[in-house]
């Protein structure tokens, strides 16, 4: 259950720039551990901002002192007791659609990692395009500690972020690592005081919200495609993407502005 009568996910807009949507996991007393209730609130919230043309950048964060410590193990234990053969239906029903929605969102997504980020919480953070972490934040894959392998796409996203060797080590050993480690490995863009993590993410989100949204969508798709395909296919994918962007208002206007020695402005279309 969410804490008291509060919604499991808070949906807000940035007061400075309403083109930035903020989704906050809202089980602070449980460090935003993922229950069915929270997952079933988060997925439609992500889908909503993904399909809203007035939203041009998204920030995902946690309420309280944690970003997300992964699956709620109390709920999971009850599911195992009830029927172990269906206890992991949540992976296909909730985690997989959630990761697909975040990674496939045609606009930038920033994770404001305000505290502990573990297991499926780490998978959610890595599904975002960019991450800002609070000083003192700890991260862990945690799965093997309870006899499991990764979910929420971590098998791929972690390997793509830090390389196969380090990803294998982090998944096998489950060692805790710090925000500074994450920055040094390229997992996070910046590490800031905890009181500044959301504001720092919002500043970055505002910058991206003012940019060429269609181009950002193509960049996201191109990176995902390029990570798993051979160069000839990548080149064709890039050529197709450039042809699509040639018809956008943002590209044509930006070229005209460049030639006129003006700073381009983007409308996201």
Protein backbone atom coordinates (compact mmCIF):
# COMPACT_ATOMS: atom_id res chain seq x y z
CA UNK A 1 0.00 0.00 0.00
CA UNK A 2 1.06 3.60 -0.47
CA UNK A 3 1.82 5.49 2.72
CA UNK A 4 -1.49 6.52 4.38
CA UNK A 5 -3.97 7.64 1.72
CA UNK A 6 -1.38 9.17 -0.56
CA UNK A 7 -1.20 8.11 -4.21
CA UNK A 8 1.48 5.55 -5.02
CA UNK A 9 2.90 7.87 -7.71
CA UNK A 10 2.84 11.65 -7.59
CA UNK A 11 2.40 13.36 -10.97
CA UNK A 12 3.40 17.02 -11.11
CA UNK A 13 4.68 19.65 -13.53
CA UNK A 14 7.73 21.81 -12.99
CA UNK A 15 6.58 25.24 -11.83
CA UNK A 16 9.27 26.96 -13.92
CA UNK A 17 8.63 25.00 -17.11
CA UNK A 18 5.36 23.06 -17.43
CA UNK A 19 6.86 21.14 -20.37
CA UNK A 20 8.77 19.15 -17.71
CA UNK A 21 6.77 16.41 -15.98
CA UNK A 22 7.89 14.91 -12.66
CA UNK A 23 6.91 11.41 -11.55
CA UNK A 24 7.69 10.58 -7.91
CA UNK A 25 7.50 7.08 -6.49
CA UNK A 26 5.60 7.64 -3.25
CA UNK A 27 6.22 4.99 -0.59
CA UNK A 28 8.80 6.91 1.43
CA UNK A 29 8.36 4.87 4.62
CA UNK A 30 9.29 1.74 2.63
CA UNK A 31 12.05 3.40 0.59
CA UNK A 32 9.78 3.24 -2.46
CA UNK A 33 9.92 -0.56 -2.62
CA UNK A 34 7.89 -1.76 -5.58
CA UNK A 35 4.53 -3.31 -4.82
CA UNK A 36 1.90 -4.24 -7.38
CA UNK A 37 0.03 -1.09 -6.38
CA UNK A 38 3.05 1.10 -7.07
CA UNK A 39 3.91 -0.65 -10.33
CA UNK A 40 0.31 -0.43 -11.54
CA UNK A 41 0.33 3.30 -10.78
CA UNK A 42 3.74 3.97 -12.33
CA UNK A 43 3.19 2.33 -15.71
CA UNK A 44 0.12 4.39 -16.71
CA UNK A 45 1.82 7.52 -15.37
CA UNK A 46 4.81 6.88 -17.62
CA UNK A 47 2.56 6.06 -20.56
CA UNK A 48 0.58 9.26 -19.98
CA UNK A 49 3.58 11.58 -20.09
CA UNK A 50 5.01 9.64 -23.02
CA UNK A 51 1.90 10.34 -25.07
CA UNK A 52 1.39 13.95 -23.95
CA UNK A 53 2.78 16.32 -26.58
CA UNK A 54 2.85 19.16 -24.06
CA UNK A 55 5.51 17.22 -22.11
CA UNK A 56 8.99 17.51 -23.63
CA UNK A 57 11.11 16.08 -20.80
CA UNK A 58 10.43 13.83 -17.81
CA UNK A 59 12.05 13.47 -14.40
CA UNK A 60 11.57 10.30 -12.35
CA UNK A 61 12.49 10.42 -8.66
CA UNK A 62 11.59 8.97 -5.28
CA UNK A 63 9.79 10.54 -2.34
CA UNK A 64 11.66 10.69 0.94
CA UNK A 65 15.22 9.46 1.39
CA UNK A 66 15.37 6.75 -1.30
CA UNK A 67 14.98 6.49 -5.04
CA UNK A 68 13.82 2.86 -5.05
CA UNK A 69 15.10 -0.25 -3.27
CA UNK A 70 13.54 -2.64 -5.77
CA UNK A 71 10.85 -5.24 -5.31
CA UNK A 72 8.95 -5.22 -2.01
CA UNK A 73 10.16 -8.54 -0.59
CA UNK A 74 7.33 -8.81 1.91
CA UNK A 75 4.82 -8.84 -0.91
CA UNK A 76 7.06 -11.17 -2.92
CA UNK A 77 7.34 -13.64 -0.02
CA UNK A 78 3.55 -13.75 0.24
CA UNK A 79 3.32 -14.41 -3.50
CA UNK A 80 5.86 -17.23 -3.23
CA UNK A 81 3.88 -18.78 -0.39
CA UNK A 82 0.66 -18.53 -2.36
CA UNK A 83 2.04 -19.94 -5.64
CA UNK A 84 5.74 -19.93 -6.55
CA UNK A 85 4.93 -20.72 -10.19
CA UNK A 86 3.19 -17.34 -10.63
CA UNK A 87 5.26 -15.22 -8.21
CA UNK A 88 7.31 -13.78 -11.07
CA UNK A 89 4.43 -12.96 -13.39
CA UNK A 90 5.11 -9.37 -12.34
CA UNK A 91 8.24 -9.36 -14.50
CA UNK A 92 6.22 -9.68 -17.71
CA UNK A 93 3.14 -7.89 -16.44
CA UNK A 94 4.84 -4.86 -14.86
CA UNK A 95 8.61 -4.58 -15.10
CA UNK A 96 9.00 -5.36 -18.79
CA UNK A 97 6.27 -2.95 -19.98
CA UNK A 98 7.60 -0.26 -17.64
CA UNK A 99 11.15 -0.49 -19.00
CA UNK A 100 9.88 -0.56 -22.58
CA UNK A 101 7.80 2.56 -21.93
CA UNK A 102 10.66 4.50 -20.32
CA UNK A 103 13.30 3.52 -22.87
CA UNK A 104 10.94 3.95 -25.80
CA UNK A 105 9.57 7.31 -24.68
CA UNK A 106 10.08 9.81 -27.54
CA UNK A 107 11.48 12.46 -25.21
CA UNK A 108 14.32 12.63 -22.68
CA UNK A 109 13.92 10.97 -19.29
CA UNK A 110 16.13 11.91 -16.32
CA UNK A 111 16.37 9.89 -13.12
CA UNK A 112 16.91 12.08 -10.05
CA UNK A 113 18.43 9.42 -7.81
CA UNK A 114 17.87 10.94 -4.40
CA UNK A 115 18.93 7.96 -2.29
CA UNK A 116 19.41 4.16 -2.25
CA UNK A 117 18.93 2.61 -5.68
CA UNK A 118 18.77 -1.18 -5.64
CA UNK A 119 17.67 -4.09 -7.83
CA UNK A 120 14.70 -3.16 -9.99
CA UNK A 121 15.18 0.42 -8.78
CA UNK A 122 18.59 0.41 -10.44
CA UNK A 123 16.98 -1.05 -13.55
CA UNK A 124 14.47 1.80 -13.58
CA UNK A 125 17.22 4.39 -13.15
CA UNK A 126 19.22 2.87 -16.02
CA UNK A 127 16.13 2.82 -18.24
CA UNK A 128 16.23 6.63 -18.03
CA UNK A 129 18.48 8.46 -20.45
CA UNK A 130 20.44 10.48 -17.89
CA UNK A 131 20.92 10.28 -14.14
CA UNK A 132 21.72 12.78 -11.38
CA UNK A 133 22.68 11.21 -8.04
CA UNK A 134 22.68 12.57 -4.52
CA UNK A 135 25.91 12.51 -2.55
CA UNK A 136 26.03 9.47 -0.32
CA UNK A 137 23.69 7.44 -2.51
CA UNK A 138 24.43 3.73 -2.63
CA UNK A 139 23.65 1.39 -5.50
CA UNK A 140 23.47 -2.39 -5.78
CA UNK A 141 22.16 -5.01 -8.16
CA UNK A 142 21.25 -7.22 -5.16
CA UNK A 143 19.61 -10.00 -7.18
CA UNK A 144 22.03 -12.85 -6.48
CA UNK A 145 21.82 -12.06 -2.76
CA UNK A 146 18.34 -13.59 -2.83
CA UNK A 147 19.13 -16.26 -5.41
CA UNK A 148 17.95 -14.43 -8.51
CA UNK A 149 19.25 -13.08 -11.78
CA UNK A 150 18.57 -9.59 -13.11
CA UNK A 151 15.32 -8.15 -14.38
CA UNK A 152 14.17 -4.66 -15.51
CA UNK A 153 16.64 -4.88 -18.40
CA UNK A 154 19.74 -4.70 -16.19
CA UNK A 155 21.44 -7.56 -18.03
CA UNK A 156 21.69 -5.24 -21.03
CA UNK A 157 21.57 -1.71 -19.62
CA UNK A 158 24.29 -2.30 -17.03
CA UNK A 159 26.56 -4.01 -19.55
CA UNK A 160 26.05 -1.18 -22.05
CA UNK A 161 26.76 1.41 -19.35
CA UNK A 162 29.85 -0.02 -17.67
CA UNK A 163 31.02 -2.84 -19.95
CA UNK A 164 30.49 -6.58 -19.82
CA UNK A 165 33.27 -7.34 -17.33
CA UNK A 166 32.17 -4.84 -14.67
CA UNK A 167 28.48 -5.59 -15.21
CA UNK A 168 29.16 -9.28 -14.70
CA UNK A 169 31.05 -8.52 -11.50
CA UNK A 170 28.32 -6.25 -10.16
CA UNK A 171 25.61 -8.78 -10.96
CA UNK A 172 27.49 -11.83 -9.65
CA UNK A 173 28.86 -10.28 -6.46
CA UNK A 174 26.08 -7.81 -5.74
CA UNK A 175 28.57 -5.43 -4.15
CA UNK A 176 27.33 -2.02 -3.09
CA UNK A 177 28.85 0.89 -4.99
CA UNK A 178 28.76 4.61 -4.36
CA UNK A 179 27.54 7.65 -6.23
CA UNK A 180 31.17 8.56 -6.90
CA UNK A 181 31.78 5.08 -8.34
CA UNK A 182 28.71 5.53 -10.51
CA UNK A 183 29.97 8.88 -11.78
CA UNK A 184 33.46 7.51 -12.45
CA UNK A 185 31.99 4.61 -14.42
CA UNK A 186 29.72 6.88 -16.45
CA UNK A 187 26.48 5.65 -14.88
CA UNK A 188 25.50 9.11 -13.64
CA UNK A 189 26.03 12.55 -15.13
CA UNK A 190 26.64 14.35 -11.86
CA UNK A 191 26.71 13.89 -8.07
CA UNK A 192 25.29 16.74 -6.02
CA UNK A 193 24.17 17.36 -2.42
CA UNK A 194 20.96 15.51 -1.61
CA UNK A 195 19.02 18.76 -1.20
CA UNK A 196 19.96 19.75 -4.76
CA UNK A 197 19.40 16.52 -6.69
CA UNK A 198 15.86 17.24 -7.88
CA UNK A 199 16.60 20.88 -8.72
CA UNK A 200 19.70 19.82 -10.67
CA UNK A 201 17.66 17.27 -12.60
CA UNK A 202 15.00 19.90 -13.30
CA UNK A 203 17.57 22.37 -14.66
CA UNK A 204 18.78 19.68 -17.06
CA UNK A 205 15.20 18.71 -17.95
CA UNK A 206 14.34 22.34 -18.75
CA UNK A 207 17.33 22.55 -21.06
CA UNK A 208 16.24 19.40 -22.89
CA UNK A 209 12.59 20.47 -22.96
CA UNK A 210 13.68 23.54 -24.93
CA UNK A 211 15.49 21.38 -27.48
CA UNK A 212 14.61 19.44 -30.65
CA UNK A 213 12.32 16.75 -29.25
CA UNK A 214 12.03 14.80 -32.50
CA UNK A 215 15.81 14.66 -32.79
CA UNK A 216 16.10 13.47 -29.20
CA UNK A 217 13.63 10.67 -29.94
CA UNK A 218 15.72 9.59 -32.92
CA UNK A 219 18.92 9.73 -30.83
CA UNK A 220 17.38 7.45 -28.22
CA UNK A 221 16.22 4.98 -30.84
CA UNK A 222 19.55 5.10 -32.68
CA UNK A 223 21.60 4.37 -29.55
CA UNK A 224 19.37 1.41 -28.66
CA UNK A 225 19.60 0.11 -32.22
CA UNK A 226 23.33 0.71 -32.50
CA UNK A 227 24.08 -1.15 -29.28
CA UNK A 228 22.89 -4.48 -30.69
CA UNK A 229 23.32 -4.28 -34.47
CA UNK A 230 26.15 -4.42 -36.99
CA UNK A 231 27.51 -1.27 -38.63
CA UNK A 232 25.79 -1.68 -42.04
CA UNK A 233 22.40 -1.86 -40.36
CA UNK A 234 23.30 1.06 -38.09
CA UNK A 235 24.24 3.21 -41.09
CA UNK A 236 20.90 2.48 -42.76
CA UNK A 237 19.06 3.23 -39.52
CA UNK A 238 20.85 6.58 -39.25
CA UNK A 239 20.10 7.45 -42.87
CA UNK A 240 16.40 6.75 -42.37
CA UNK A 241 16.36 8.84 -39.19
CA UNK A 242 18.03 11.81 -40.87
CA UNK A 243 15.51 11.62 -43.71
CA UNK A 244 12.66 11.75 -41.19
CA UNK A 245 14.20 14.70 -39.35
CA UNK A 246 14.68 16.62 -42.60
CA UNK A 247 10.93 17.22 -42.69
CA UNK A 248 10.70 18.66 -39.17
CA UNK A 249 10.12 22.31 -38.48
CA UNK A 250 12.91 22.32 -35.90
CA UNK A 251 15.58 21.16 -38.33
CA UNK A 252 14.61 23.49 -41.16
CA UNK A 253 14.29 26.50 -38.85
CA UNK A 254 17.57 25.72 -37.08
CA UNK A 255 19.44 25.59 -40.38
CA UNK A 256 17.95 28.93 -41.39
CA UNK A 257 18.86 30.41 -37.99
CA UNK A 258 22.43 29.11 -38.27
CA UNK A 259 22.89 30.69 -41.68
CA UNK A 260 21.42 33.93 -40.34
CA UNK A 261 23.81 33.77 -37.36
CA UNK A 262 20.87 33.53 -34.94
CA UNK A 263 20.47 31.23 -31.96
CA UNK A 264 17.96 28.54 -32.95
CA UNK A 265 14.77 27.99 -31.01
CA UNK A 266 12.97 24.67 -31.04
CA UNK A 267 9.28 23.91 -30.85
CA UNK A 268 9.64 20.16 -30.48
CA UNK A 269 8.21 19.32 -33.88
